[in-house]
């Protein structure tokens, strides 16, 4: 399975940067990737973070690993946590 990677940044209510990638099936619209980013922020307790469509940008396409495939098939997306993300 190939996935598109959206490099995503949000700003928490205290001004901290939240950086994560949203991985979605290739061909998914940018609007859908943005919705998944917003959904994930809500799920991890960061629903009040500021997320702008322009901060969720297509980066590249790659082959998905096993965990990514499972998440994409189950939820429609996979998140790679980077800077400022809460621990799982």
PDB file of N, CA and C in Angstrom:
ATOM      1  N   UNK A   1       0.853  -1.184   0.000  1.00  0.00           N
ATOM      2  CA  UNK A   1       0.000   0.000   0.000  1.00  0.00           C
ATOM      3  C   UNK A   1       0.892   1.238   0.000  1.00  0.00           C
ATOM      4  N   UNK A   2       0.527   2.191  -0.818  1.00  0.00           N
ATOM      5  CA  UNK A   2       1.220   3.479  -0.830  1.00  0.00           C
ATOM      6  C   UNK A   2       0.381   4.486  -0.052  1.00  0.00           C
ATOM      7  N   UNK A   3       1.069   5.360   0.680  1.00  0.00           N
ATOM      8  CA  UNK A   3       0.397   6.401   1.450  1.00  0.00           C
ATOM      9  C   UNK A   3       1.014   7.748   1.134  1.00  0.00           C
ATOM     10  N   UNK A   4       0.179   8.769   1.217  1.00  0.00           N
ATOM     11  CA  UNK A   4       0.638  10.146   1.094  1.00  0.00           C
ATOM     12  C   UNK A   4       0.905  10.666   2.497  1.00  0.00           C
ATOM     13  N   UNK A   5       1.998  11.399   2.637  1.00  0.00           N
ATOM     14  CA  UNK A   5       2.405  11.941   3.934  1.00  0.00           C
ATOM     15  C   UNK A   5       2.144  13.442   3.938  1.00  0.00           C
ATOM     16  N   UNK A   6       1.398  13.891   4.941  1.00  0.00           N
ATOM     17  CA  UNK A   6       1.112  15.311   5.127  1.00  0.00           C
ATOM     18  C   UNK A   6       1.851  15.795   6.366  1.00  0.00           C
ATOM     19  N   UNK A   7       2.813  16.681   6.165  1.00  0.00           N
ATOM     20  CA  UNK A   7       3.583  17.288   7.237  1.00  0.00           C
ATOM     21  C   UNK A   7       2.688  18.326   7.902  1.00  0.00           C
ATOM     22  N   UNK A   8       2.447  18.173   9.209  1.00  0.00           N
ATOM     23  CA  UNK A   8       1.405  18.947   9.876  1.00  0.00           C
ATOM     24  C   UNK A   8       1.916  19.610  11.144  1.00  0.00           C
ATOM     25  N   UNK A   9       1.529  20.881  11.311  1.00  0.00           N
ATOM     26  CA  UNK A   9       1.892  21.655  12.493  1.00  0.00           C
ATOM     27  C   UNK A   9       0.640  22.300  13.076  1.00  0.00           C
ATOM     28  N   UNK A  10       0.559  22.275  14.398  1.00  0.00           N
ATOM     29  CA  UNK A  10      -0.504  22.985  15.119  1.00  0.00           C
ATOM     30  C   UNK A  10       0.170  23.751  16.245  1.00  0.00           C
ATOM     31  N   UNK A  11      -0.583  24.648  16.852  1.00  0.00           N
ATOM     32  CA  UNK A  11      -0.085  25.411  17.987  1.00  0.00           C
ATOM     33  C   UNK A  11      -1.011  25.175  19.164  1.00  0.00           C
ATOM     34  N   UNK A  12      -0.432  24.723  20.283  1.00  0.00           N
ATOM     35  CA  UNK A  12      -1.239  24.461  21.476  1.00  0.00           C
ATOM     36  C   UNK A  12      -1.713  25.775  22.082  1.00  0.00           C
ATOM     37  N   UNK A  13      -2.642  25.688  23.024  1.00  0.00           N
ATOM     38  CA  UNK A  13      -3.172  26.901  23.654  1.00  0.00           C
ATOM     39  C   UNK A  13      -2.099  27.642  24.431  1.00  0.00           C
ATOM     40  N   UNK A  14      -1.023  26.948  24.842  1.00  0.00           N
ATOM     41  CA  UNK A  14       0.062  27.645  25.544  1.00  0.00           C
ATOM     42  C   UNK A  14       1.171  28.099  24.595  1.00  0.00           C
ATOM     43  N   UNK A  15       0.942  27.942  23.286  1.00  0.00           N
ATOM     44  CA  UNK A  15       1.879  28.441  22.281  1.00  0.00           C
ATOM     45  C   UNK A  15       2.928  27.452  21.816  1.00  0.00           C
ATOM     46  N   UNK A  16       2.899  26.226  22.330  1.00  0.00           N
ATOM     47  CA  UNK A  16       3.876  25.217  21.929  1.00  0.00           C
ATOM     48  C   UNK A  16       3.545  24.664  20.544  1.00  0.00           C
ATOM     49  N   UNK A  17       4.595  24.299  19.811  1.00  0.00           N
ATOM     50  CA  UNK A  17       4.428  23.699  18.492  1.00  0.00           C
ATOM     51  C   UNK A  17       4.137  22.204  18.632  1.00  0.00           C
ATOM     52  N   UNK A  18       3.165  21.751  17.864  1.00  0.00           N
ATOM     53  CA  UNK A  18       2.819  20.328  17.783  1.00  0.00           C
ATOM     54  C   UNK A  18       3.070  19.920  16.335  1.00  0.00           C
ATOM     55  N   UNK A  19       4.024  19.020  16.135  1.00  0.00           N
ATOM     56  CA  UNK A  19       4.422  18.608  14.789  1.00  0.00           C
ATOM     57  C   UNK A  19       4.174  17.114  14.645  1.00  0.00           C
ATOM     58  N   UNK A  20       3.448  16.732  13.606  1.00  0.00           N
ATOM     59  CA  UNK A  20       3.162  15.326  13.349  1.00  0.00           C
ATOM     60  C   UNK A  20       2.880  15.137  11.870  1.00  0.00           C
ATOM     61  N   UNK A  21       3.015  13.901  11.417  1.00  0.00           N
ATOM     62  CA  UNK A  21       2.682  13.563  10.036  1.00  0.00           C
ATOM     63  C   UNK A  21       1.375  12.791  10.024  1.00  0.00           C
ATOM     64  N   UNK A  22       0.547  13.093   9.032  1.00  0.00           N
ATOM     65  CA  UNK A  22      -0.693  12.357   8.795  1.00  0.00           C
ATOM     66  C   UNK A  22      -0.453  11.519   7.543  1.00  0.00           C
ATOM     67  N   UNK A  23      -0.575  10.211   7.664  1.00  0.00           N
ATOM     68  CA  UNK A  23      -0.411   9.298   6.535  1.00  0.00           C
ATOM     69  C   UNK A  23      -1.782   8.790   6.116  1.00  0.00           C
ATOM     70  N   UNK A  24      -2.089   8.948   4.841  1.00  0.00           N
ATOM     71  CA  UNK A  24      -3.395   8.573   4.295  1.00  0.00           C
ATOM     72  C   UNK A  24      -3.196   7.819   2.978  1.00  0.00           C
ATOM     73  N   UNK A  25      -4.188   7.040   2.558  1.00  0.00           N
ATOM     74  CA  UNK A  25      -4.053   6.342   1.279  1.00  0.00           C
ATOM     75  C   UNK A  25      -3.771   7.338   0.148  1.00  0.00           C
ATOM     76  N   UNK A  26      -2.893   6.943  -0.752  1.00  0.00           N
ATOM     77  CA  UNK A  26      -2.556   7.799  -1.884  1.00  0.00           C
ATOM     78  C   UNK A  26      -3.819   8.228  -2.615  1.00  0.00           C
ATOM     79  N   UNK A  27      -3.895   9.509  -2.922  1.00  0.00           N
ATOM     80  CA  UNK A  27      -5.049  10.058  -3.613  1.00  0.00           C
ATOM     81  C   UNK A  27      -6.067  10.697  -2.690  1.00  0.00           C
ATOM     82  N   UNK A  28      -5.882  10.563  -1.378  1.00  0.00           N
ATOM     83  CA  UNK A  28      -6.779  11.212  -0.419  1.00  0.00           C
ATOM     84  C   UNK A  28      -6.620  12.726  -0.550  1.00  0.00           C
ATOM     85  N   UNK A  29      -7.710  13.443  -0.474  1.00  0.00           N
ATOM     86  CA  UNK A  29      -7.634  14.901  -0.625  1.00  0.00           C
ATOM     87  C   UNK A  29      -6.959  15.547   0.580  1.00  0.00           C
ATOM     88  N   UNK A  30      -6.414  16.728   0.345  1.00  0.00           N
ATOM     89  CA  UNK A  30      -5.799  17.502   1.421  1.00  0.00           C
ATOM     90  C   UNK A  30      -6.834  17.855   2.490  1.00  0.00           C
ATOM     91  N   UNK A  31      -8.054  18.095   2.082  1.00  0.00           N
ATOM     92  CA  UNK A  31      -9.118  18.420   3.030  1.00  0.00           C
ATOM     93  C   UNK A  31      -9.384  17.247   3.976  1.00  0.00           C
ATOM     94  N   UNK A  32      -9.355  16.034   3.438  1.00  0.00           N
ATOM     95  CA  UNK A  32      -9.570  14.854   4.267  1.00  0.00           C
ATOM     96  C   UNK A  32      -8.399  14.646   5.227  1.00  0.00           C
ATOM     97  N   UNK A  33      -7.178  14.837   4.753  1.00  0.00           N
ATOM     98  CA  UNK A  33      -6.010  14.726   5.629  1.00  0.00           C
ATOM     99  C   UNK A  33      -6.119  15.730   6.773  1.00  0.00           C
ATOM    100  N   UNK A  34      -6.561  16.938   6.470  1.00  0.00           N
ATOM    101  CA  UNK A  34      -6.746  17.977   7.483  1.00  0.00           C
ATOM    102  C   UNK A  34      -7.803  17.538   8.503  1.00  0.00           C
ATOM    103  N   UNK A  35      -8.887  16.969   8.039  1.00  0.00           N
ATOM    104  CA  UNK A  35      -9.937  16.484   8.952  1.00  0.00           C
ATOM    105  C   UNK A  35      -9.397  15.394   9.869  1.00  0.00           C
ATOM    106  N   UNK A  36      -8.579  14.501   9.321  1.00  0.00           N
ATOM    107  CA  UNK A  36      -7.974  13.463  10.155  1.00  0.00           C
ATOM    108  C   UNK A  36      -7.027  14.079  11.183  1.00  0.00           C
ATOM    109  N   UNK A  37      -6.284  15.095  10.795  1.00  0.00           N
ATOM    110  CA  UNK A  37      -5.387  15.783  11.736  1.00  0.00           C
ATOM    111  C   UNK A  37      -6.191  16.388  12.882  1.00  0.00           C
ATOM    112  N   UNK A  38      -7.280  17.047  12.550  1.00  0.00           N
ATOM    113  CA  UNK A  38      -8.154  17.651  13.568  1.00  0.00           C
ATOM    114  C   UNK A  38      -8.741  16.565  14.474  1.00  0.00           C
ATOM    115  N   UNK A  39      -9.176  15.458  13.879  1.00  0.00           N
ATOM    116  CA  UNK A  39      -9.740  14.345  14.639  1.00  0.00           C
ATOM    117  C   UNK A  39      -8.708  13.791  15.625  1.00  0.00           C
ATOM    118  N   UNK A  40      -7.480  13.603  15.160  1.00  0.00           N
ATOM    119  CA  UNK A  40      -6.439  13.074  16.032  1.00  0.00           C
ATOM    120  C   UNK A  40      -6.137  14.032  17.179  1.00  0.00           C
ATOM    121  N   UNK A  41      -6.054  15.326  16.887  1.00  0.00           N
ATOM    122  CA  UNK A  41      -5.826  16.300  17.957  1.00  0.00           C
ATOM    123  C   UNK A  41      -6.914  16.201  19.017  1.00  0.00           C
ATOM    124  N   UNK A  42      -8.155  16.064  18.592  1.00  0.00           N
ATOM    125  CA  UNK A  42      -9.264  15.889  19.540  1.00  0.00           C
ATOM    126  C   UNK A  42      -9.065  14.628  20.381  1.00  0.00           C
ATOM    127  N   UNK A  43      -8.677  13.537  19.741  1.00  0.00           N
ATOM    128  CA  UNK A  43      -8.529  12.249  20.435  1.00  0.00           C
ATOM    129  C   UNK A  43      -7.432  12.271  21.488  1.00  0.00           C
ATOM    130  N   UNK A  44      -6.378  13.051  21.276  1.00  0.00           N
ATOM    131  CA  UNK A  44      -5.255  13.072  22.223  1.00  0.00           C
ATOM    132  C   UNK A  44      -5.351  14.229  23.213  1.00  0.00           C
ATOM    133  N   UNK A  45      -6.510  14.885  23.255  1.00  0.00           N
ATOM    134  CA  UNK A  45      -6.722  15.944  24.231  1.00  0.00           C
ATOM    135  C   UNK A  45      -6.177  17.294  23.847  1.00  0.00           C
ATOM    136  N   UNK A  46      -5.893  17.485  22.562  1.00  0.00           N
ATOM    137  CA  UNK A  46      -5.375  18.763  22.083  1.00  0.00           C
ATOM    138  C   UNK A  46      -6.365  19.444  21.137  1.00  0.00           C
ATOM    139  N   UNK A  47      -7.637  19.196  21.372  1.00  0.00           N
ATOM    140  CA  UNK A  47      -8.680  19.700  20.481  1.00  0.00           C
ATOM    141  C   UNK A  47      -8.739  21.207  20.366  1.00  0.00           C
ATOM    142  N   UNK A  48      -8.195  21.914  21.340  1.00  0.00           N
ATOM    143  CA  UNK A  48      -8.216  23.373  21.278  1.00  0.00           C
ATOM    144  C   UNK A  48      -6.993  23.953  20.566  1.00  0.00           C
ATOM    145  N   UNK A  49      -6.094  23.086  20.120  1.00  0.00           N
ATOM    146  CA  UNK A  49      -4.911  23.549  19.393  1.00  0.00           C
ATOM    147  C   UNK A  49      -5.337  24.199  18.075  1.00  0.00           C
ATOM    148  N   UNK A  50      -4.590  25.216  17.685  1.00  0.00           N
ATOM    149  CA  UNK A  50      -4.868  25.894  16.417  1.00  0.00           C
ATOM    150  C   UNK A  50      -4.235  25.096  15.282  1.00  0.00           C
ATOM    151  N   UNK A  51      -5.052  24.711  14.331  1.00  0.00           N
ATOM    152  CA  UNK A  51      -4.591  23.972  13.164  1.00  0.00           C
ATOM    153  C   UNK A  51      -5.173  24.653  11.937  1.00  0.00           C
ATOM    154  N   UNK A  52      -4.289  25.096  11.064  1.00  0.00           N
ATOM    155  CA  UNK A  52      -4.726  25.752   9.829  1.00  0.00           C
ATOM    156  C   UNK A  52      -4.459  24.824   8.651  1.00  0.00           C
ATOM    157  N   UNK A  53      -5.350  24.859   7.675  1.00  0.00           N
ATOM    158  CA  UNK A  53      -5.218  24.021   6.483  1.00  0.00           C
ATOM    159  C   UNK A  53      -3.840  24.203   5.838  1.00  0.00           C
ATOM    160  N   UNK A  54      -3.314  25.408   5.849  1.00  0.00           N
ATOM    161  CA  UNK A  54      -2.020  25.670   5.217  1.00  0.00           C
ATOM    162  C   UNK A  54      -0.870  25.029   5.981  1.00  0.00           C
ATOM    163  N   UNK A  55      -1.115  24.559   7.190  1.00  0.00           N
ATOM    164  CA  UNK A  55      -0.079  23.922   8.008  1.00  0.00           C
ATOM    165  C   UNK A  55      -0.184  22.398   7.961  1.00  0.00           C
ATOM    166  N   UNK A  56      -0.967  21.884   7.029  1.00  0.00           N
ATOM    167  CA  UNK A  56      -1.105  20.443   6.801  1.00  0.00           C
ATOM    168  C   UNK A  56      -0.807  20.244   5.315  1.00  0.00           C
ATOM    169  N   UNK A  57       0.480  20.071   4.993  1.00  0.00           N
ATOM    170  CA  UNK A  57       0.934  20.120   3.606  1.00  0.00           C
ATOM    171  C   UNK A  57       1.421  18.772   3.101  1.00  0.00           C
ATOM    172  N   UNK A  58       1.016  18.433   1.871  1.00  0.00           N
ATOM    173  CA  UNK A  58       1.518  17.218   1.242  1.00  0.00           C
ATOM    174  C   UNK A  58       3.037  17.272   1.191  1.00  0.00           C
ATOM    175  N   UNK A  59       3.667  16.179   1.592  1.00  0.00           N
ATOM    176  CA  UNK A  59       5.126  16.115   1.623  1.00  0.00           C
ATOM    177  C   UNK A  59       5.647  15.130   0.571  1.00  0.00           C
ATOM    178  N   UNK A  60       5.198  13.877   0.634  1.00  0.00           N
ATOM    179  CA  UNK A  60       5.648  12.859  -0.299  1.00  0.00           C
ATOM    180  C   UNK A  60       4.760  11.614  -0.187  1.00  0.00           C
ATOM    181  N   UNK A  61       5.030  10.654  -1.069  1.00  0.00           N
ATOM    182  CA  UNK A  61       4.342   9.363  -1.058  1.00  0.00           C
ATOM    183  C   UNK A  61       5.370   8.296  -0.725  1.00  0.00           C
ATOM    184  N   UNK A  62       4.957   7.314   0.081  1.00  0.00           N
ATOM    185  CA  UNK A  62       5.872   6.240   0.451  1.00  0.00           C
ATOM    186  C   UNK A  62       5.108   4.928   0.598  1.00  0.00           C
ATOM    187  N   UNK A  63       5.861   3.841   0.655  1.00  0.00           N
ATOM    188  CA  UNK A  63       5.268   2.536   0.925  1.00  0.00           C
ATOM    189  C   UNK A  63       4.964   2.437   2.408  1.00  0.00           C
ATOM    190  N   UNK A  64       3.804   1.915   2.738  1.00  0.00           N
ATOM    191  CA  UNK A  64       3.375   1.805   4.130  1.00  0.00           C
ATOM    192  C   UNK A  64       3.918   0.542   4.770  1.00  0.00           C
ATOM    193  N   UNK A  65       4.314   0.672   6.039  1.00  0.00           N
ATOM    194  CA  UNK A  65       4.706  -0.488   6.828  1.00  0.00           C
ATOM    195  C   UNK A  65       3.474  -1.175   7.393  1.00  0.00           C
ATOM    196  N   UNK A  66       3.694  -2.291   8.067  1.00  0.00           N
ATOM    197  CA  UNK A  66       2.589  -3.109   8.576  1.00  0.00           C
ATOM    198  C   UNK A  66       1.681  -2.341   9.529  1.00  0.00           C
ATOM    199  N   UNK A  67       2.236  -1.606  10.495  1.00  0.00           N
ATOM    200  CA  UNK A  67       1.429  -0.862  11.475  1.00  0.00           C
ATOM    201  C   UNK A  67       0.617   0.229  10.780  1.00  0.00           C
ATOM    202  N   UNK A  68       1.216   0.893   9.815  1.00  0.00           N
ATOM    203  CA  UNK A  68       0.519   1.946   9.071  1.00  0.00           C
ATOM    204  C   UNK A  68      -0.659   1.355   8.312  1.00  0.00           C
ATOM    205  N   UNK A  69      -0.449   0.226   7.668  1.00  0.00           N
ATOM    206  CA  UNK A  69      -1.528  -0.426   6.907  1.00  0.00           C
ATOM    207  C   UNK A  69      -2.690  -0.765   7.836  1.00  0.00           C
ATOM    208  N   UNK A  70      -2.392  -1.328   8.997  1.00  0.00           N
ATOM    209  CA  UNK A  70      -3.450  -1.682   9.947  1.00  0.00           C
ATOM    210  C   UNK A  70      -4.251  -0.441  10.338  1.00  0.00           C
ATOM    211  N   UNK A  71      -3.542   0.638  10.699  1.00  0.00           N
ATOM    212  CA  UNK A  71      -4.236   1.866  11.117  1.00  0.00           C
ATOM    213  C   UNK A  71      -5.057   2.474   9.987  1.00  0.00           C
ATOM    214  N   UNK A  72      -4.487   2.505   8.778  1.00  0.00           N
ATOM    215  CA  UNK A  72      -5.197   3.090   7.636  1.00  0.00           C
ATOM    216  C   UNK A  72      -6.443   2.271   7.307  1.00  0.00           C
ATOM    217  N   UNK A  73      -6.321   0.954   7.363  1.00  0.00           N
ATOM    218  CA  UNK A  73      -7.493   0.116   7.081  1.00  0.00           C
ATOM    219  C   UNK A  73      -8.557   0.265   8.160  1.00  0.00           C
ATOM    220  N   UNK A  74      -8.138   0.470   9.405  1.00  0.00           N
ATOM    221  CA  UNK A  74      -9.083   0.579  10.516  1.00  0.00           C
ATOM    222  C   UNK A  74      -9.655   1.995  10.666  1.00  0.00           C
ATOM    223  N   UNK A  75      -8.780   3.010  10.594  1.00  0.00           N
ATOM    224  CA  UNK A  75      -9.192   4.381  10.899  1.00  0.00           C
ATOM    225  C   UNK A  75      -9.181   5.335   9.702  1.00  0.00           C
ATOM    226  N   UNK A  76      -8.546   4.931   8.624  1.00  0.00           N
ATOM    227  CA  UNK A  76      -8.436   5.802   7.460  1.00  0.00           C
ATOM    228  C   UNK A  76      -7.157   6.606   7.426  1.00  0.00           C
ATOM    229  N   UNK A  77      -6.371   6.577   8.519  1.00  0.00           N
ATOM    230  CA  UNK A  77      -5.130   7.347   8.588  1.00  0.00           C
ATOM    231  C   UNK A  77      -4.207   6.758   9.656  1.00  0.00           C
ATOM    232  N   UNK A  78      -2.959   7.225   9.643  1.00  0.00           N
ATOM    233  CA  UNK A  78      -1.966   6.875  10.663  1.00  0.00           C
ATOM    234  C   UNK A  78      -1.224   8.162  11.003  1.00  0.00           C
ATOM    235  N   UNK A  79      -0.866   8.314  12.272  1.00  0.00           N
ATOM    236  CA  UNK A  79      -0.140   9.495  12.726  1.00  0.00           C
ATOM    237  C   UNK A  79       1.267   9.104  13.147  1.00  0.00           C
ATOM    238  N   UNK A  80       2.231   9.876  12.693  1.00  0.00           N
ATOM    239  CA  UNK A  80       3.605   9.767  13.191  1.00  0.00           C
ATOM    240  C   UNK A  80       3.836  10.990  14.076  1.00  0.00           C
ATOM    241  N   UNK A  81       4.013  10.753  15.352  1.00  0.00           N
ATOM    242  CA  UNK A  81       4.216  11.834  16.326  1.00  0.00           C
ATOM    243  C   UNK A  81       5.652  12.344  16.242  1.00  0.00           C
ATOM    244  N   UNK A  82       5.775  13.663  16.287  1.00  0.00           N
ATOM    245  CA  UNK A  82       7.095  14.270  16.293  1.00  0.00           C
ATOM    246  C   UNK A  82       7.167  15.264  17.443  1.00  0.00           C
ATOM    247  N   UNK A  83       7.406  16.488  17.144  1.00  0.00           N
ATOM    248  CA  UNK A  83       7.625  17.523  18.165  1.00  0.00           C
ATOM    249  C   UNK A  83       6.352  17.902  18.910  1.00  0.00           C
ATOM    250  N   UNK A  84       6.431  17.937  20.239  1.00  0.00           N
ATOM    251  CA  UNK A  84       5.347  18.453  21.065  1.00  0.00           C
ATOM    252  C   UNK A  84       4.114  17.585  21.160  1.00  0.00           C
ATOM    253  N   UNK A  85       4.173  16.353  20.700  1.00  0.00           N
ATOM    254  CA  UNK A  85       3.012  15.454  20.747  1.00  0.00           C
ATOM    255  C   UNK A  85       2.972  14.725  22.089  1.00  0.00           C
ATOM    256  N   UNK A  86       1.769  14.486  22.605  1.00  0.00           N
ATOM    257  CA  UNK A  86       1.672  13.703  23.834  1.00  0.00           C
ATOM    258  C   UNK A  86       2.123  12.266  23.565  1.00  0.00           C
ATOM    259  N   UNK A  87       2.645  11.633  24.604  1.00  0.00           N
ATOM    260  CA  UNK A  87       3.058  10.227  24.464  1.00  0.00           C
ATOM    261  C   UNK A  87       1.825   9.344  24.345  1.00  0.00           C
ATOM    262  N   UNK A  88       1.948   8.256  23.568  1.00  0.00           N
ATOM    263  CA  UNK A  88       0.792   7.369  23.396  1.00  0.00           C
ATOM    264  C   UNK A  88       0.367   6.697  24.695  1.00  0.00           C
TER     265      UNK A  88
END
